[in-house]
Amino acid sequence: MHIHETRLRVRYAETDQMGVAYYGNYLTWMEVGRVEYCKSAGFNYRDMEQEDGVLLAVVEARCRYLYPARFDDEVVVRTWVEEANTRMLQFAYEMKQGEGGRLLATGHTRHLFCNRDLKPMRLPARYREGFGIRQPA
């Protein structure tokens, strides 16, 4: 299983009045992890959309918050493909403190492969290996 780690730092603008990273930012951090995962798997998310018209429509998102991230904390986003077939894909995430490794949150996003008209489609063969989808024999 391919796991990619992305490091980011909590910006002041991402915190609330309590000095804690606003909960919605975790979904953004998952997206950052997803884009970087694709790069580490050998292709660009942007190119997949622009050149091949493959869009990853989010059909489900979940985040479980365990411990708060605060301004200037380094956050490590671990991203991997939990389930995949030629129609759908599920990424899983762990967000940890960079220093000490305390688990901040876990989550997943489920995606349907769509074309530019937002119609479901099969993932082109050239991307399947990067998502861990075995080619048919």
N, C-alpha and C. Protein backbone atom coordinates (compact mmCIF):
# COMPACT_ATOMS: atom_id res chain seq x y z
N MET A 1 0.85 -1.18 0.00
CA MET A 1 0.00 0.00 0.00
C MET A 1 0.89 1.24 0.00
N HIS A 2 0.60 2.13 -0.93
CA HIS A 2 1.34 3.38 -1.06
C HIS A 2 0.73 4.42 -0.11
N ILE A 3 1.55 4.98 0.78
CA ILE A 3 1.11 6.05 1.69
C ILE A 3 1.99 7.26 1.42
N HIS A 4 1.34 8.40 1.25
CA HIS A 4 2.09 9.63 1.02
C HIS A 4 1.89 10.58 2.21
N GLU A 5 2.97 11.21 2.63
CA GLU A 5 2.91 12.20 3.71
C GLU A 5 3.14 13.59 3.16
N THR A 6 2.26 14.50 3.53
CA THR A 6 2.35 15.91 3.16
C THR A 6 2.45 16.71 4.44
N ARG A 7 3.40 17.62 4.49
CA ARG A 7 3.57 18.46 5.67
C ARG A 7 3.08 19.87 5.37
N LEU A 8 2.33 20.42 6.31
CA LEU A 8 1.86 21.80 6.18
C LEU A 8 1.89 22.44 7.56
N ARG A 9 1.75 23.73 7.57
CA ARG A 9 1.77 24.49 8.82
C ARG A 9 0.46 25.23 8.96
N VAL A 10 -0.13 25.19 10.16
CA VAL A 10 -1.40 25.87 10.42
C VAL A 10 -1.16 27.38 10.36
N ARG A 11 -1.86 28.03 9.44
CA ARG A 11 -1.75 29.48 9.30
C ARG A 11 -2.70 30.17 10.29
N TYR A 12 -2.36 31.38 10.67
CA TYR A 12 -3.18 32.14 11.61
C TYR A 12 -4.62 32.27 11.10
N ALA A 13 -4.76 32.50 9.79
CA ALA A 13 -6.09 32.67 9.20
C ALA A 13 -6.94 31.39 9.28
N GLU A 14 -6.31 30.26 9.56
CA GLU A 14 -7.03 28.99 9.67
C GLU A 14 -7.53 28.71 11.08
N THR A 15 -7.28 29.62 12.01
CA THR A 15 -7.67 29.38 13.39
C THR A 15 -8.91 30.20 13.76
N ASP A 16 -9.60 29.74 14.78
CA ASP A 16 -10.79 30.45 15.26
C ASP A 16 -10.42 31.31 16.47
N GLN A 17 -11.41 31.87 17.11
CA GLN A 17 -11.18 32.77 18.24
C GLN A 17 -10.48 32.06 19.40
N MET A 18 -10.58 30.73 19.46
CA MET A 18 -9.94 29.97 20.53
C MET A 18 -8.49 29.61 20.20
N GLY A 19 -8.04 30.01 18.99
CA GLY A 19 -6.68 29.69 18.59
C GLY A 19 -6.53 28.29 18.04
N VAL A 20 -7.65 27.64 17.75
CA VAL A 20 -7.68 26.26 17.27
C VAL A 20 -7.98 26.27 15.77
N ALA A 21 -7.35 25.38 15.04
CA ALA A 21 -7.63 25.28 13.61
C ALA A 21 -9.11 24.98 13.40
N TYR A 22 -9.76 25.81 12.58
CA TYR A 22 -11.17 25.67 12.27
C TYR A 22 -11.43 24.31 11.63
N TYR A 23 -12.51 23.65 12.03
CA TYR A 23 -12.74 22.27 11.62
C TYR A 23 -12.82 22.07 10.10
N GLY A 24 -13.33 23.06 9.37
CA GLY A 24 -13.44 22.93 7.92
C GLY A 24 -12.10 22.82 7.21
N ASN A 25 -11.05 23.33 7.84
CA ASN A 25 -9.72 23.27 7.23
C ASN A 25 -9.21 21.84 7.08
N TYR A 26 -9.67 20.94 7.92
CA TYR A 26 -9.21 19.55 7.83
C TYR A 26 -9.60 18.95 6.48
N LEU A 27 -10.77 19.32 5.96
CA LEU A 27 -11.17 18.83 4.63
C LEU A 27 -10.26 19.41 3.55
N THR A 28 -9.86 20.67 3.71
CA THR A 28 -8.91 21.28 2.78
C THR A 28 -7.57 20.56 2.87
N TRP A 29 -7.13 20.24 4.07
CA TRP A 29 -5.85 19.53 4.23
C TRP A 29 -5.93 18.15 3.59
N MET A 30 -7.08 17.50 3.66
CA MET A 30 -7.26 16.21 2.98
C MET A 30 -7.11 16.39 1.47
N GLU A 31 -7.67 17.48 0.94
CA GLU A 31 -7.54 17.75 -0.49
C GLU A 31 -6.08 17.97 -0.87
N VAL A 32 -5.35 18.69 -0.05
CA VAL A 32 -3.91 18.89 -0.30
C VAL A 32 -3.22 17.54 -0.31
N GLY A 33 -3.53 16.69 0.64
CA GLY A 33 -2.95 15.35 0.69
C GLY A 33 -3.28 14.53 -0.55
N ARG A 34 -4.51 14.65 -1.03
CA ARG A 34 -4.96 13.92 -2.22
C ARG A 34 -4.19 14.34 -3.46
N VAL A 35 -4.03 15.64 -3.65
CA VAL A 35 -3.30 16.16 -4.81
C VAL A 35 -1.84 15.71 -4.75
N GLU A 36 -1.23 15.78 -3.57
CA GLU A 36 0.17 15.36 -3.42
C GLU A 36 0.31 13.85 -3.56
N TYR A 37 -0.69 13.10 -3.13
CA TYR A 37 -0.67 11.65 -3.32
C TYR A 37 -0.56 11.33 -4.81
N CYS A 38 -1.39 12.00 -5.62
CA CYS A 38 -1.37 11.76 -7.06
C CYS A 38 0.01 12.03 -7.65
N LYS A 39 0.63 13.14 -7.25
CA LYS A 39 1.98 13.45 -7.73
C LYS A 39 2.95 12.34 -7.36
N SER A 40 2.85 11.85 -6.13
CA SER A 40 3.77 10.79 -5.69
C SER A 40 3.49 9.48 -6.41
N ALA A 41 2.26 9.32 -6.93
CA ALA A 41 1.90 8.10 -7.67
C ALA A 41 2.26 8.22 -9.16
N GLY A 42 2.81 9.38 -9.57
CA GLY A 42 3.33 9.51 -10.91
C GLY A 42 2.49 10.31 -11.89
N PHE A 43 1.47 11.00 -11.42
CA PHE A 43 0.68 11.83 -12.34
C PHE A 43 0.15 13.05 -11.60
N ASN A 44 -0.27 14.04 -12.38
CA ASN A 44 -0.80 15.28 -11.84
C ASN A 44 -2.33 15.24 -11.84
N TYR A 45 -2.93 15.55 -10.72
CA TYR A 45 -4.39 15.63 -10.60
C TYR A 45 -4.92 16.61 -11.65
N ARG A 46 -4.27 17.77 -11.77
CA ARG A 46 -4.68 18.80 -12.72
C ARG A 46 -4.67 18.26 -14.15
N ASP A 47 -3.62 17.54 -14.52
CA ASP A 47 -3.52 17.00 -15.87
C ASP A 47 -4.61 15.96 -16.13
N MET A 48 -4.92 15.16 -15.11
CA MET A 48 -5.97 14.16 -15.25
C MET A 48 -7.30 14.85 -15.59
N GLU A 49 -7.55 16.00 -14.95
CA GLU A 49 -8.77 16.76 -15.23
C GLU A 49 -8.71 17.45 -16.59
N GLN A 50 -7.64 18.18 -16.84
CA GLN A 50 -7.56 19.01 -18.04
C GLN A 50 -7.32 18.20 -19.31
N GLU A 51 -6.41 17.23 -19.27
CA GLU A 51 -6.06 16.49 -20.47
C GLU A 51 -6.99 15.33 -20.77
N ASP A 52 -7.47 14.66 -19.72
CA ASP A 52 -8.28 13.47 -19.93
C ASP A 52 -9.73 13.64 -19.51
N GLY A 53 -10.08 14.80 -18.95
CA GLY A 53 -11.46 15.05 -18.58
C GLY A 53 -11.98 14.17 -17.46
N VAL A 54 -11.07 13.68 -16.61
CA VAL A 54 -11.46 12.82 -15.49
C VAL A 54 -11.59 13.69 -14.24
N LEU A 55 -12.79 13.74 -13.69
CA LEU A 55 -13.04 14.51 -12.47
C LEU A 55 -13.33 13.54 -11.34
N LEU A 56 -12.84 13.87 -10.15
CA LEU A 56 -13.11 13.05 -8.98
C LEU A 56 -14.17 13.75 -8.14
N ALA A 57 -15.42 13.43 -8.39
CA ALA A 57 -16.52 14.06 -7.66
C ALA A 57 -16.61 13.47 -6.25
N VAL A 58 -16.59 14.32 -5.25
CA VAL A 58 -16.71 13.86 -3.87
C VAL A 58 -18.17 13.48 -3.62
N VAL A 59 -18.39 12.24 -3.21
CA VAL A 59 -19.74 11.79 -2.89
C VAL A 59 -19.92 11.55 -1.40
N GLU A 60 -18.80 11.54 -0.67
CA GLU A 60 -18.86 11.37 0.79
C GLU A 60 -17.56 11.90 1.39
N ALA A 61 -17.69 12.58 2.51
CA ALA A 61 -16.52 13.05 3.25
C ALA A 61 -16.79 12.85 4.73
N ARG A 62 -15.79 12.37 5.43
CA ARG A 62 -15.91 12.13 6.87
C ARG A 62 -14.63 12.57 7.54
N CYS A 63 -14.77 13.20 8.70
CA CYS A 63 -13.61 13.58 9.50
C CYS A 63 -13.95 13.39 10.97
N ARG A 64 -13.08 12.69 11.67
CA ARG A 64 -13.22 12.51 13.11
C ARG A 64 -12.12 13.30 13.79
N TYR A 65 -12.50 14.26 14.61
CA TYR A 65 -11.56 15.15 15.28
C TYR A 65 -11.19 14.59 16.63
N LEU A 66 -9.89 14.48 16.88
CA LEU A 66 -9.42 13.85 18.11
C LEU A 66 -8.67 14.80 19.03
N TYR A 67 -7.94 15.75 18.45
CA TYR A 67 -7.14 16.68 19.24
C TYR A 67 -6.93 17.94 18.39
N PRO A 68 -6.97 19.12 18.99
CA PRO A 68 -6.89 20.34 18.18
C PRO A 68 -5.49 20.66 17.66
N ALA A 69 -5.45 21.13 16.41
CA ALA A 69 -4.24 21.72 15.86
C ALA A 69 -4.33 23.22 16.13
N ARG A 70 -3.19 23.86 16.36
CA ARG A 70 -3.17 25.28 16.69
C ARG A 70 -2.25 26.04 15.74
N PHE A 71 -2.38 27.35 15.76
CA PHE A 71 -1.55 28.22 14.92
C PHE A 71 -0.09 27.82 14.99
N ASP A 72 0.54 27.71 13.83
CA ASP A 72 1.95 27.43 13.62
C ASP A 72 2.35 25.98 13.91
N ASP A 73 1.40 25.12 14.28
CA ASP A 73 1.70 23.70 14.41
C ASP A 73 2.00 23.14 13.02
N GLU A 74 2.95 22.24 12.95
CA GLU A 74 3.15 21.49 11.72
C GLU A 74 2.18 20.31 11.77
N VAL A 75 1.49 20.08 10.66
CA VAL A 75 0.56 18.97 10.54
C VAL A 75 1.05 18.06 9.42
N VAL A 76 1.11 16.78 9.71
CA VAL A 76 1.47 15.78 8.71
C VAL A 76 0.19 15.09 8.28
N VAL A 77 -0.10 15.18 6.99
CA VAL A 77 -1.29 14.54 6.43
C VAL A 77 -0.83 13.27 5.73
N ARG A 78 -1.24 12.12 6.27
CA ARG A 78 -0.93 10.83 5.65
C ARG A 78 -2.13 10.44 4.79
N THR A 79 -1.87 10.12 3.53
CA THR A 79 -2.94 9.84 2.57
C THR A 79 -2.66 8.52 1.87
N TRP A 80 -3.69 7.71 1.72
CA TRP A 80 -3.57 6.46 0.97
C TRP A 80 -4.92 6.11 0.37
N VAL A 81 -4.90 5.20 -0.61
CA VAL A 81 -6.12 4.70 -1.22
C VAL A 81 -6.58 3.50 -0.40
N GLU A 82 -7.78 3.62 0.12
CA GLU A 82 -8.35 2.55 0.96
C GLU A 82 -9.13 1.54 0.12
N GLU A 83 -9.86 2.04 -0.87
CA GLU A 83 -10.64 1.19 -1.78
C GLU A 83 -10.58 1.82 -3.16
N ALA A 84 -10.55 0.98 -4.19
CA ALA A 84 -10.55 1.53 -5.55
C ALA A 84 -11.04 0.50 -6.55
N ASN A 85 -11.82 0.99 -7.50
CA ASN A 85 -12.16 0.21 -8.68
C ASN A 85 -12.26 1.21 -9.83
N THR A 86 -12.65 0.77 -11.00
CA THR A 86 -12.64 1.66 -12.15
C THR A 86 -13.75 2.70 -12.13
N ARG A 87 -14.66 2.62 -11.17
CA ARG A 87 -15.77 3.58 -11.06
C ARG A 87 -15.67 4.51 -9.86
N MET A 88 -15.12 4.00 -8.75
CA MET A 88 -15.06 4.77 -7.50
C MET A 88 -13.72 4.59 -6.82
N LEU A 89 -13.47 5.51 -5.89
CA LEU A 89 -12.20 5.55 -5.19
C LEU A 89 -12.44 6.10 -3.78
N GLN A 90 -11.78 5.52 -2.80
CA GLN A 90 -11.86 6.07 -1.45
C GLN A 90 -10.46 6.29 -0.90
N PHE A 91 -10.19 7.56 -0.55
CA PHE A 91 -8.94 7.91 0.11
C PHE A 91 -9.17 7.88 1.62
N ALA A 92 -8.13 7.51 2.36
CA ALA A 92 -8.15 7.59 3.81
C ALA A 92 -7.04 8.56 4.24
N TYR A 93 -7.25 9.17 5.40
CA TYR A 93 -6.32 10.20 5.89
C TYR A 93 -6.10 10.08 7.38
N GLU A 94 -4.90 10.40 7.78
CA GLU A 94 -4.57 10.65 9.18
C GLU A 94 -3.85 11.98 9.23
N MET A 95 -4.24 12.82 10.15
CA MET A 95 -3.55 14.09 10.35
C MET A 95 -2.93 14.05 11.73
N LYS A 96 -1.61 14.23 11.78
CA LYS A 96 -0.85 14.15 13.02
C LYS A 96 -0.05 15.42 13.24
N GLN A 97 0.28 15.68 14.49
CA GLN A 97 1.20 16.77 14.79
C GLN A 97 2.57 16.39 14.26
N GLY A 98 3.25 17.36 13.66
CA GLY A 98 4.59 17.10 13.16
C GLY A 98 5.56 16.80 14.30
N GLU A 99 5.41 17.52 15.38
CA GLU A 99 6.26 17.31 16.54
C GLU A 99 5.51 16.44 17.54
N GLY A 100 6.03 15.27 17.80
CA GLY A 100 5.40 14.36 18.75
C GLY A 100 4.49 13.33 18.12
N GLY A 101 3.95 13.63 16.95
CA GLY A 101 3.14 12.65 16.22
C GLY A 101 1.76 12.37 16.78
N ARG A 102 1.25 13.26 17.63
CA ARG A 102 -0.08 13.04 18.20
C ARG A 102 -1.13 13.04 17.09
N LEU A 103 -2.03 12.08 17.12
CA LEU A 103 -3.09 11.98 16.12
C LEU A 103 -4.12 13.07 16.35
N LEU A 104 -4.32 13.90 15.34
CA LEU A 104 -5.26 15.02 15.41
C LEU A 104 -6.63 14.65 14.87
N ALA A 105 -6.65 13.94 13.75
CA ALA A 105 -7.91 13.60 13.11
C ALA A 105 -7.70 12.45 12.13
N THR A 106 -8.78 11.76 11.84
CA THR A 106 -8.79 10.74 10.80
C THR A 106 -9.97 11.04 9.88
N GLY A 107 -9.92 10.52 8.68
CA GLY A 107 -11.04 10.74 7.79
C GLY A 107 -10.93 9.97 6.50
N HIS A 108 -11.95 10.13 5.68
CA HIS A 108 -11.91 9.57 4.34
C HIS A 108 -12.77 10.42 3.42
N THR A 109 -12.48 10.32 2.14
CA THR A 109 -13.32 10.90 1.10
C THR A 109 -13.56 9.84 0.05
N ARG A 110 -14.78 9.77 -0.41
CA ARG A 110 -15.17 8.81 -1.44
C ARG A 110 -15.48 9.61 -2.70
N HIS A 111 -14.99 9.12 -3.84
CA HIS A 111 -15.08 9.84 -5.10
C HIS A 111 -15.64 8.95 -6.20
N LEU A 112 -16.43 9.56 -7.05
CA LEU A 112 -16.94 8.91 -8.25
C LEU A 112 -16.18 9.51 -9.43
N PHE A 113 -15.66 8.67 -10.32
CA PHE A 113 -14.99 9.18 -11.51
C PHE A 113 -16.07 9.68 -12.48
N CYS A 114 -15.95 10.95 -12.89
CA CYS A 114 -16.92 11.58 -13.80
C CYS A 114 -16.20 12.23 -14.97
N ASN A 115 -16.96 12.42 -16.05
CA ASN A 115 -16.43 13.19 -17.18
C ASN A 115 -16.79 14.66 -16.98
N ARG A 116 -16.46 15.49 -17.95
CA ARG A 116 -16.71 16.94 -17.82
C ARG A 116 -18.20 17.29 -17.73
N ASP A 117 -19.06 16.38 -18.19
CA ASP A 117 -20.51 16.59 -18.09
C ASP A 117 -21.06 16.05 -16.77
N LEU A 118 -20.15 15.66 -15.88
CA LEU A 118 -20.48 15.10 -14.57
C LEU A 118 -21.25 13.79 -14.66
N LYS A 119 -21.00 13.05 -15.74
CA LYS A 119 -21.57 11.73 -15.93
C LYS A 119 -20.54 10.70 -15.45
N PRO A 120 -20.98 9.66 -14.73
CA PRO A 120 -20.03 8.63 -14.29
C PRO A 120 -19.29 8.02 -15.47
N MET A 121 -18.03 7.72 -15.23
CA MET A 121 -17.19 7.11 -16.26
C MET A 121 -16.22 6.12 -15.62
N ARG A 122 -15.62 5.31 -16.46
CA ARG A 122 -14.56 4.40 -16.00
C ARG A 122 -13.23 5.15 -16.05
N LEU A 123 -12.42 4.90 -15.06
CA LEU A 123 -11.10 5.51 -15.00
C LEU A 123 -10.24 4.98 -16.15
N PRO A 124 -9.62 5.87 -16.95
CA PRO A 124 -8.73 5.40 -18.01
C PRO A 124 -7.60 4.52 -17.46
N ALA A 125 -7.20 3.56 -18.25
CA ALA A 125 -6.21 2.57 -17.83
C ALA A 125 -4.91 3.20 -17.34
N ARG A 126 -4.50 4.32 -17.93
CA ARG A 126 -3.19 4.88 -17.57
C ARG A 126 -3.11 5.38 -16.13
N TYR A 127 -4.24 5.56 -15.45
CA TYR A 127 -4.24 6.03 -14.05
C TYR A 127 -4.47 4.91 -13.05
N ARG A 128 -4.84 3.76 -13.51
CA ARG A 128 -5.27 2.68 -12.61
C ARG A 128 -4.15 2.22 -11.67
N GLU A 129 -2.97 2.06 -12.19
CA GLU A 129 -1.87 1.60 -11.34
C GLU A 129 -1.60 2.58 -10.21
N GLY A 130 -1.64 3.87 -10.49
CA GLY A 130 -1.40 4.89 -9.47
C GLY A 130 -2.39 4.85 -8.32
N PHE A 131 -3.61 4.37 -8.60
CA PHE A 131 -4.63 4.23 -7.57
C PHE A 131 -4.71 2.81 -7.02
N GLY A 132 -3.80 1.94 -7.48
CA GLY A 132 -3.78 0.57 -6.99
C GLY A 132 -4.84 -0.32 -7.58
N ILE A 133 -5.36 0.05 -8.75
CA ILE A 133 -6.39 -0.76 -9.42
C ILE A 133 -5.69 -1.71 -10.37
N ARG A 134 -5.92 -2.98 -10.18
CA ARG A 134 -5.28 -4.00 -11.05
C ARG A 134 -5.92 -3.99 -12.43
N GLN A 135 -5.06 -4.11 -13.42
CA GLN A 135 -5.52 -4.18 -14.80
C GLN A 135 -6.19 -5.54 -15.04
N PRO A 136 -7.26 -5.59 -15.83
CA PRO A 136 -7.84 -6.88 -16.15
C PRO A 136 -6.87 -7.72 -16.99
N ALA A 137 -6.92 -9.01 -16.77
CA ALA A 137 -6.01 -9.92 -17.49
C ALA A 137 -6.39 -10.08 -18.94
